[in-house]
Amino acid sequence: MFTGIIKHIGRIDSIEHYEGNISLWILADIMDEIQIDQSIAHNGICLTVDALNGKLYRVTSIAETIQKTSIADWEIGQSINLELCLKLGDRLDGHIVQGHIDTIGYCEEIIEKNGSYNVRFSYTPEFGALIIEKGSIAIDGISLTCHSLANHEFTVSIIPFTWAHTCAQYWLKGSKVNLEFDLLGKYLQRQWRLTTKGEEDIPNNS
């Protein structure tokens, strides 16, 4: 479980492909906090640490994750948002984030406004019921608030601190981003479909 508050940025040191899986060796300055079997969010994707080597650790992504996220497009040297899992007793400064990506979104426009930024994204229409005005969303693992919803697009406003201390600063028009919609909205949508259509009609979107 995560909160979408990014405190660390890592860098991809190497990428390995085998049997349809992708393994990443990540360079990070938080190795004293990392151990085998630990869950860490990488641009919002929850991945498990499976090897350690000095200042590097390795995580592996399987077919389901590769299909639904931007991980297949990541490159050596790329910076990524890192978030360690939530501890009991920690402040929940963002919102509840699972690290289970629902779909890929696309950056459509970035507008600088006196140091802050308005960034507009598009997303797959089938997920429209999971996004609301002033609702929470995790974009590449960053907890943000949606506004200006229209035509399967939404905008988020990013303060200078968040822009400077996350990988949002590297977004460009056309960039792919990982989207995780609010957990509460998913349960409400499922309950509505259960009561109106029946279990067999519920698509497996997440």
C-alpha atoms as a PDB file:
ATOM      1  CA  MET A   1       0.000   0.000   0.000  1.00  0.00           C
ATOM      2  CA  PHE A   2       1.249   3.489  -0.922  1.00  0.00           C
ATOM      3  CA  THR A   3       0.153   7.110  -0.634  1.00  0.00           C
ATOM      4  CA  GLY A   4       1.349   8.698  -3.895  1.00  0.00           C
ATOM      5  CA  ILE A   5       3.774  11.035  -2.094  1.00  0.00           C
ATOM      6  CA  ILE A   6       7.086  10.701  -3.938  1.00  0.00           C
ATOM      7  CA  LYS A   7      10.206  11.167  -1.805  1.00  0.00           C
ATOM      8  CA  HIS A   8      12.850   9.438  -3.910  1.00  0.00           C
ATOM      9  CA  ILE A   9      13.911   9.231  -7.560  1.00  0.00           C
ATOM     10  CA  GLY A  10      15.818   6.248  -8.897  1.00  0.00           C
ATOM     11  CA  ARG A  11      17.603   5.606 -12.169  1.00  0.00           C
ATOM     12  CA  ILE A  12      17.454   2.541 -14.416  1.00  0.00           C
ATOM     13  CA  ASP A  13      20.980   1.086 -14.575  1.00  0.00           C
ATOM     14  CA  SER A  14      20.277  -1.912 -16.827  1.00  0.00           C
ATOM     15  CA  ILE A  15      17.384  -3.843 -18.360  1.00  0.00           C
ATOM     16  CA  GLU A  16      17.165  -7.607 -18.885  1.00  0.00           C
ATOM     17  CA  HIS A  17      14.599  -9.407 -21.068  1.00  0.00           C
ATOM     18  CA  TYR A  18      13.878 -13.119 -20.707  1.00  0.00           C
ATOM     19  CA  GLU A  19      10.905 -15.440 -21.268  1.00  0.00           C
ATOM     20  CA  GLY A  20       8.563 -12.508 -21.756  1.00  0.00           C
ATOM     21  CA  ASN A  21       9.593 -10.828 -18.496  1.00  0.00           C
ATOM     22  CA  ILE A  22      11.481  -7.570 -17.945  1.00  0.00           C
ATOM     23  CA  SER A  23      13.964  -7.182 -15.088  1.00  0.00           C
ATOM     24  CA  LEU A  24      15.281  -3.774 -14.096  1.00  0.00           C
ATOM     25  CA  TRP A  25      18.371  -2.967 -12.059  1.00  0.00           C
ATOM     26  CA  ILE A  26      17.672   0.289 -10.227  1.00  0.00           C
ATOM     27  CA  LEU A  27      20.239   2.707  -8.801  1.00  0.00           C
ATOM     28  CA  ALA A  28      18.864   4.369  -5.669  1.00  0.00           C
ATOM     29  CA  ASP A  29      20.127   6.257  -2.650  1.00  0.00           C
ATOM     30  CA  ILE A  30      17.833   4.344  -0.281  1.00  0.00           C
ATOM     31  CA  MET A  31      19.587   0.963  -0.317  1.00  0.00           C
ATOM     32  CA  ASP A  32      19.840   0.959   3.481  1.00  0.00           C
ATOM     33  CA  GLU A  33      16.015   0.766   3.532  1.00  0.00           C
ATOM     34  CA  ILE A  34      15.650  -1.953   0.877  1.00  0.00           C
ATOM     35  CA  GLN A  35      15.604  -5.708   1.339  1.00  0.00           C
ATOM     36  CA  ILE A  36      14.650  -8.816  -0.649  1.00  0.00           C
ATOM     37  CA  ASP A  37      10.863  -9.374  -1.057  1.00  0.00           C
ATOM     38  CA  GLN A  38      10.099  -5.710  -0.353  1.00  0.00           C
ATOM     39  CA  SER A  39       7.412  -3.933  -2.386  1.00  0.00           C
ATOM     40  CA  ILE A  40       8.364  -0.597  -3.973  1.00  0.00           C
ATOM     41  CA  ALA A  41       6.303   1.561  -6.337  1.00  0.00           C
ATOM     42  CA  HIS A  42       8.166   2.459  -9.546  1.00  0.00           C
ATOM     43  CA  ASN A  43       6.328   5.220 -11.455  1.00  0.00           C
ATOM     44  CA  GLY A  44       3.299   3.874  -9.633  1.00  0.00           C
ATOM     45  CA  ILE A  45       3.905   0.185 -10.425  1.00  0.00           C
ATOM     46  CA  CYS A  46       4.232  -2.038  -7.361  1.00  0.00           C
ATOM     47  CA  LEU A  47       7.204  -4.353  -7.969  1.00  0.00           C
ATOM     48  CA  THR A  48       9.001  -6.768  -5.635  1.00  0.00           C
ATOM     49  CA  VAL A  49      12.740  -6.562  -4.960  1.00  0.00           C
ATOM     50  CA  ASP A  50      14.294  -9.913  -5.951  1.00  0.00           C
ATOM     51  CA  ALA A  51      18.047  -9.181  -5.853  1.00  0.00           C
ATOM     52  CA  LEU A  52      20.536  -6.735  -4.337  1.00  0.00           C
ATOM     53  CA  ASN A  53      23.980  -5.746  -5.619  1.00  0.00           C
ATOM     54  CA  GLY A  54      25.787  -2.890  -3.876  1.00  0.00           C
ATOM     55  CA  LYS A  55      23.967   0.342  -4.724  1.00  0.00           C
ATOM     56  CA  LEU A  56      21.583  -1.491  -7.061  1.00  0.00           C
ATOM     57  CA  TYR A  57      18.476  -3.603  -6.601  1.00  0.00           C
ATOM     58  CA  ARG A  58      16.488  -5.666  -9.109  1.00  0.00           C
ATOM     59  CA  VAL A  59      12.762  -5.957  -9.754  1.00  0.00           C
ATOM     60  CA  THR A  60      10.979  -8.075 -12.360  1.00  0.00           C
ATOM     61  CA  SER A  61       7.811  -7.328 -14.315  1.00  0.00           C
ATOM     62  CA  ILE A  62       5.692 -10.119 -15.810  1.00  0.00           C
ATOM     63  CA  ALA A  63       3.349 -10.123 -18.816  1.00  0.00           C
ATOM     64  CA  GLU A  64       0.248  -8.724 -17.048  1.00  0.00           C
ATOM     65  CA  THR A  65       2.159  -5.679 -15.804  1.00  0.00           C
ATOM     66  CA  ILE A  66       3.994  -5.171 -19.099  1.00  0.00           C
ATOM     67  CA  GLN A  67       0.681  -5.162 -20.963  1.00  0.00           C
ATOM     68  CA  LYS A  68      -1.048  -2.576 -18.763  1.00  0.00           C
ATOM     69  CA  THR A  69       1.791  -0.145 -18.001  1.00  0.00           C
ATOM     70  CA  SER A  70       4.489   1.921 -19.685  1.00  0.00           C
ATOM     71  CA  ILE A  71       7.324  -0.279 -18.397  1.00  0.00           C
ATOM     72  CA  ALA A  72       8.116  -1.771 -21.825  1.00  0.00           C
ATOM     73  CA  ASP A  73       9.094   1.725 -23.018  1.00  0.00           C
ATOM     74  CA  TRP A  74      11.504   2.474 -20.169  1.00  0.00           C
ATOM     75  CA  GLU A  75      15.141   2.998 -21.099  1.00  0.00           C
ATOM     76  CA  ILE A  76      18.534   2.705 -19.430  1.00  0.00           C
ATOM     77  CA  GLY A  77      19.391   5.969 -17.681  1.00  0.00           C
ATOM     78  CA  GLN A  78      15.736   6.971 -17.250  1.00  0.00           C
ATOM     79  CA  SER A  79      14.704   8.482 -13.927  1.00  0.00           C
ATOM     80  CA  ILE A  80      11.665   6.986 -12.178  1.00  0.00           C
ATOM     81  CA  ASN A  81       9.561   7.903  -9.160  1.00  0.00           C
ATOM     82  CA  LEU A  82      10.120   5.611  -6.173  1.00  0.00           C
ATOM     83  CA  GLU A  83       7.892   5.168  -3.139  1.00  0.00           C
ATOM     84  CA  LEU A  84       8.496   2.753  -0.301  1.00  0.00           C
ATOM     85  CA  CYS A  85       5.397   1.013   1.040  1.00  0.00           C
ATOM     86  CA  LEU A  86       3.345   2.615   3.770  1.00  0.00           C
ATOM     87  CA  LYS A  87       4.075   1.753   7.400  1.00  0.00           C
ATOM     88  CA  LEU A  88       1.325   1.498   9.999  1.00  0.00           C
ATOM     89  CA  GLY A  89       1.283   4.801  11.850  1.00  0.00           C
ATOM     90  CA  ASP A  90       2.587   6.866   8.903  1.00  0.00           C
ATOM     91  CA  ARG A  91       0.702   9.960   7.806  1.00  0.00           C
ATOM     92  CA  LEU A  92      -1.514   9.425   4.772  1.00  0.00           C
ATOM     93  CA  ASP A  93      -0.611  12.692   3.029  1.00  0.00           C
ATOM     94  CA  GLY A  94      -1.835  11.635  -0.422  1.00  0.00           C
ATOM     95  CA  HIS A  95      -4.519   8.976  -0.957  1.00  0.00           C
ATOM     96  CA  ILE A  96      -4.655   5.185  -0.832  1.00  0.00           C
ATOM     97  CA  VAL A  97      -2.620   3.832  -3.766  1.00  0.00           C
ATOM     98  CA  GLN A  98      -2.209   0.108  -4.419  1.00  0.00           C
ATOM     99  CA  GLY A  99       0.466   0.219  -7.084  1.00  0.00           C
ATOM    100  CA  HIS A 100      -1.827  -1.731  -9.429  1.00  0.00           C
ATOM    101  CA  ILE A 101      -1.976   0.218 -12.684  1.00  0.00           C
ATOM    102  CA  ASP A 102      -5.334   0.363 -14.446  1.00  0.00           C
ATOM    103  CA  THR A 103      -4.286   1.726 -17.819  1.00  0.00           C
ATOM    104  CA  ILE A 104      -1.876   3.981 -19.701  1.00  0.00           C
ATOM    105  CA  GLY A 105      -2.657   7.659 -20.204  1.00  0.00           C
ATOM    106  CA  TYR A 106      -1.119  10.177 -22.585  1.00  0.00           C
ATOM    107  CA  CYS A 107       0.119  13.674 -21.855  1.00  0.00           C
ATOM    108  CA  GLU A 108      -1.737  16.048 -24.179  1.00  0.00           C
ATOM    109  CA  GLU A 109      -0.616  19.479 -22.981  1.00  0.00           C
ATOM    110  CA  ILE A 110       1.639  21.150 -20.401  1.00  0.00           C
ATOM    111  CA  ILE A 111       1.018  24.773 -19.451  1.00  0.00           C
ATOM    112  CA  GLU A 112       3.319  26.631 -17.075  1.00  0.00           C
ATOM    113  CA  LYS A 113       1.519  29.134 -14.854  1.00  0.00           C
ATOM    114  CA  ASN A 114       3.967  31.299 -12.895  1.00  0.00           C
ATOM    115  CA  GLY A 115       5.954  28.329 -11.624  1.00  0.00           C
ATOM    116  CA  SER A 116       3.111  25.839 -11.259  1.00  0.00           C
ATOM    117  CA  TYR A 117       1.951  23.564 -14.063  1.00  0.00           C
ATOM    118  CA  ASN A 118      -1.368  22.468 -15.529  1.00  0.00           C
ATOM    119  CA  VAL A 119      -0.990  19.134 -17.301  1.00  0.00           C
ATOM    120  CA  ARG A 120      -3.781  17.622 -19.404  1.00  0.00           C
ATOM    121  CA  PHE A 121      -4.043  13.857 -19.981  1.00  0.00           C
ATOM    122  CA  SER A 122      -6.218  11.598 -22.108  1.00  0.00           C
ATOM    123  CA  TYR A 123      -7.306   8.107 -21.086  1.00  0.00           C
ATOM    124  CA  THR A 124      -9.264   5.123 -22.393  1.00  0.00           C
ATOM    125  CA  PRO A 125     -13.014   5.907 -22.435  1.00  0.00           C
ATOM    126  CA  GLU A 126     -13.964   2.656 -20.633  1.00  0.00           C
ATOM    127  CA  PHE A 127     -12.463   4.076 -17.420  1.00  0.00           C
ATOM    128  CA  GLY A 128     -14.576   7.239 -17.474  1.00  0.00           C
ATOM    129  CA  ALA A 129     -16.780   6.101 -14.583  1.00  0.00           C
ATOM    130  CA  LEU A 130     -13.723   5.939 -12.296  1.00  0.00           C
ATOM    131  CA  ILE A 131     -12.733   9.587 -12.537  1.00  0.00           C
ATOM    132  CA  ILE A 132     -14.555  12.559 -11.013  1.00  0.00           C
ATOM    133  CA  GLU A 133     -14.038  16.303 -10.667  1.00  0.00           C
ATOM    134  CA  LYS A 134     -11.738  16.987  -7.678  1.00  0.00           C
ATOM    135  CA  GLY A 135     -11.149  13.252  -7.286  1.00  0.00           C
ATOM    136  CA  SER A 136      -7.796  11.623  -6.583  1.00  0.00           C
ATOM    137  CA  ILE A 137      -5.667   9.853  -9.170  1.00  0.00           C
ATOM    138  CA  ALA A 138      -2.136   8.444  -9.186  1.00  0.00           C
ATOM    139  CA  ILE A 139      -0.104   9.402 -12.274  1.00  0.00           C
ATOM    140  CA  ASP A 140       3.255   7.616 -12.481  1.00  0.00           C
ATOM    141  CA  GLY A 141       2.698   7.040  -8.778  1.00  0.00           C
ATOM    142  CA  ILE A 142       2.132  10.719  -7.898  1.00  0.00           C
ATOM    143  CA  SER A 143      -1.031  11.489  -5.939  1.00  0.00           C
ATOM    144  CA  LEU A 144      -2.816  14.312  -7.780  1.00  0.00           C
ATOM    145  CA  THR A 145      -6.292  15.858  -8.035  1.00  0.00           C
ATOM    146  CA  CYS A 146      -8.317  15.824 -11.259  1.00  0.00           C
ATOM    147  CA  HIS A 147     -10.193  18.799 -12.644  1.00  0.00           C
ATOM    148  CA  SER A 148     -11.547  20.081 -15.966  1.00  0.00           C
ATOM    149  CA  LEU A 149     -12.944  16.732 -17.097  1.00  0.00           C
ATOM    150  CA  ALA A 150     -14.077  16.633 -20.731  1.00  0.00           C
ATOM    151  CA  ASN A 151     -14.018  14.188 -23.655  1.00  0.00           C
ATOM    152  CA  HIS A 152     -12.078  11.484 -21.802  1.00  0.00           C
ATOM    153  CA  GLU A 153      -9.462  13.980 -20.717  1.00  0.00           C
ATOM    154  CA  PHE A 154      -8.622  15.565 -17.376  1.00  0.00           C
ATOM    155  CA  THR A 155      -6.171  18.114 -16.027  1.00  0.00           C
ATOM    156  CA  VAL A 156      -4.029  18.131 -12.897  1.00  0.00           C
ATOM    157  CA  SER A 157      -2.319  21.138 -11.348  1.00  0.00           C
ATOM    158  CA  ILE A 158       1.171  20.555  -9.979  1.00  0.00           C
ATOM    159  CA  ILE A 159       2.904  22.783  -7.442  1.00  0.00           C
ATOM    160  CA  PRO A 160       6.559  23.746  -7.982  1.00  0.00           C
ATOM    161  CA  PHE A 161       7.852  21.451  -5.200  1.00  0.00           C
ATOM    162  CA  THR A 162       6.188  18.357  -6.665  1.00  0.00           C
ATOM    163  CA  TRP A 163       7.348  19.279 -10.167  1.00  0.00           C
ATOM    164  CA  ALA A 164      10.959  19.675  -9.044  1.00  0.00           C
ATOM    165  CA  HIS A 165      11.084  16.569  -6.830  1.00  0.00           C
ATOM    166  CA  THR A 166       9.365  14.001  -9.070  1.00  0.00           C
ATOM    167  CA  CYS A 167       9.653  12.770 -12.634  1.00  0.00           C
ATOM    168  CA  ALA A 168       6.730  14.977 -13.635  1.00  0.00           C
ATOM    169  CA  GLN A 169       9.426  17.423 -14.743  1.00  0.00           C
ATOM    170  CA  TYR A 170      10.343  14.977 -17.550  1.00  0.00           C
ATOM    171  CA  TRP A 171       6.850  14.678 -19.003  1.00  0.00           C
ATOM    172  CA  LEU A 172       6.433  15.895 -22.573  1.00  0.00           C
ATOM    173  CA  LYS A 173       3.475  16.107 -24.909  1.00  0.00           C
ATOM    174  CA  GLY A 174       2.803  12.538 -25.982  1.00  0.00           C
ATOM    175  CA  SER A 175       4.451  10.933 -22.944  1.00  0.00           C
ATOM    176  CA  LYS A 176       2.911   7.686 -21.728  1.00  0.00           C
ATOM    177  CA  VAL A 177       2.025   7.655 -18.032  1.00  0.00           C
ATOM    178  CA  ASN A 178       0.723   4.999 -15.668  1.00  0.00           C
ATOM    179  CA  LEU A 179      -2.758   5.715 -14.310  1.00  0.00           C
ATOM    180  CA  GLU A 180      -4.256   4.219 -11.160  1.00  0.00           C
ATOM    181  CA  PHE A 181      -7.791   5.361 -10.440  1.00  0.00           C
ATOM    182  CA  ASP A 182      -9.139   5.788  -6.930  1.00  0.00           C
ATOM    183  CA  LEU A 183      -9.804   2.486  -5.137  1.00  0.00           C
ATOM    184  CA  LEU A 184     -13.147   3.603  -3.698  1.00  0.00           C
ATOM    185  CA  GLY A 185     -14.457   4.395  -7.184  1.00  0.00           C
ATOM    186  CA  LYS A 186     -13.600   0.864  -8.361  1.00  0.00           C
ATOM    187  CA  TYR A 187     -15.565  -0.756  -5.561  1.00  0.00           C
ATOM    188  CA  LEU A 188     -18.557   1.521  -6.138  1.00  0.00           C
ATOM    189  CA  GLN A 189     -18.534   0.761  -9.858  1.00  0.00           C
ATOM    190  CA  ARG A 190     -18.327  -2.975  -9.211  1.00  0.00           C
ATOM    191  CA  GLN A 191     -21.171  -2.852  -6.706  1.00  0.00           C
ATOM    192  CA  TRP A 192     -23.332  -0.947  -9.189  1.00  0.00           C
ATOM    193  CA  ARG A 193     -22.648  -3.519 -11.888  1.00  0.00           C
ATOM    194  CA  LEU A 194     -23.352  -6.392  -9.503  1.00  0.00           C
ATOM    195  CA  THR A 195     -26.737  -4.979  -8.604  1.00  0.00           C
ATOM    196  CA  THR A 196     -27.743  -3.875 -12.109  1.00  0.00           C
ATOM    197  CA  LYS A 197     -26.153  -6.384 -14.493  1.00  0.00           C
ATOM    198  CA  GLY A 198     -24.994  -9.379 -12.522  1.00  0.00           C
ATOM    199  CA  GLU A 199     -21.550 -10.859 -11.887  1.00  0.00           C
ATOM    200  CA  GLU A 200     -21.119 -12.382 -15.365  1.00  0.00           C
ATOM    201  CA  ASP A 201     -21.338  -8.969 -17.059  1.00  0.00           C
ATOM    202  CA  ILE A 202     -18.496  -7.312 -15.115  1.00  0.00           C
ATOM    203  CA  PRO A 203     -15.414  -6.764 -17.273  1.00  0.00           C
ATOM    204  CA  ASN A 204     -11.987  -7.360 -15.740  1.00  0.00           C
ATOM    205  CA  ASN A 205     -10.438  -3.912 -16.219  1.00  0.00           C
ATOM    206  CA  SER A 206      -8.138  -3.761 -13.193  1.00  0.00           C
END
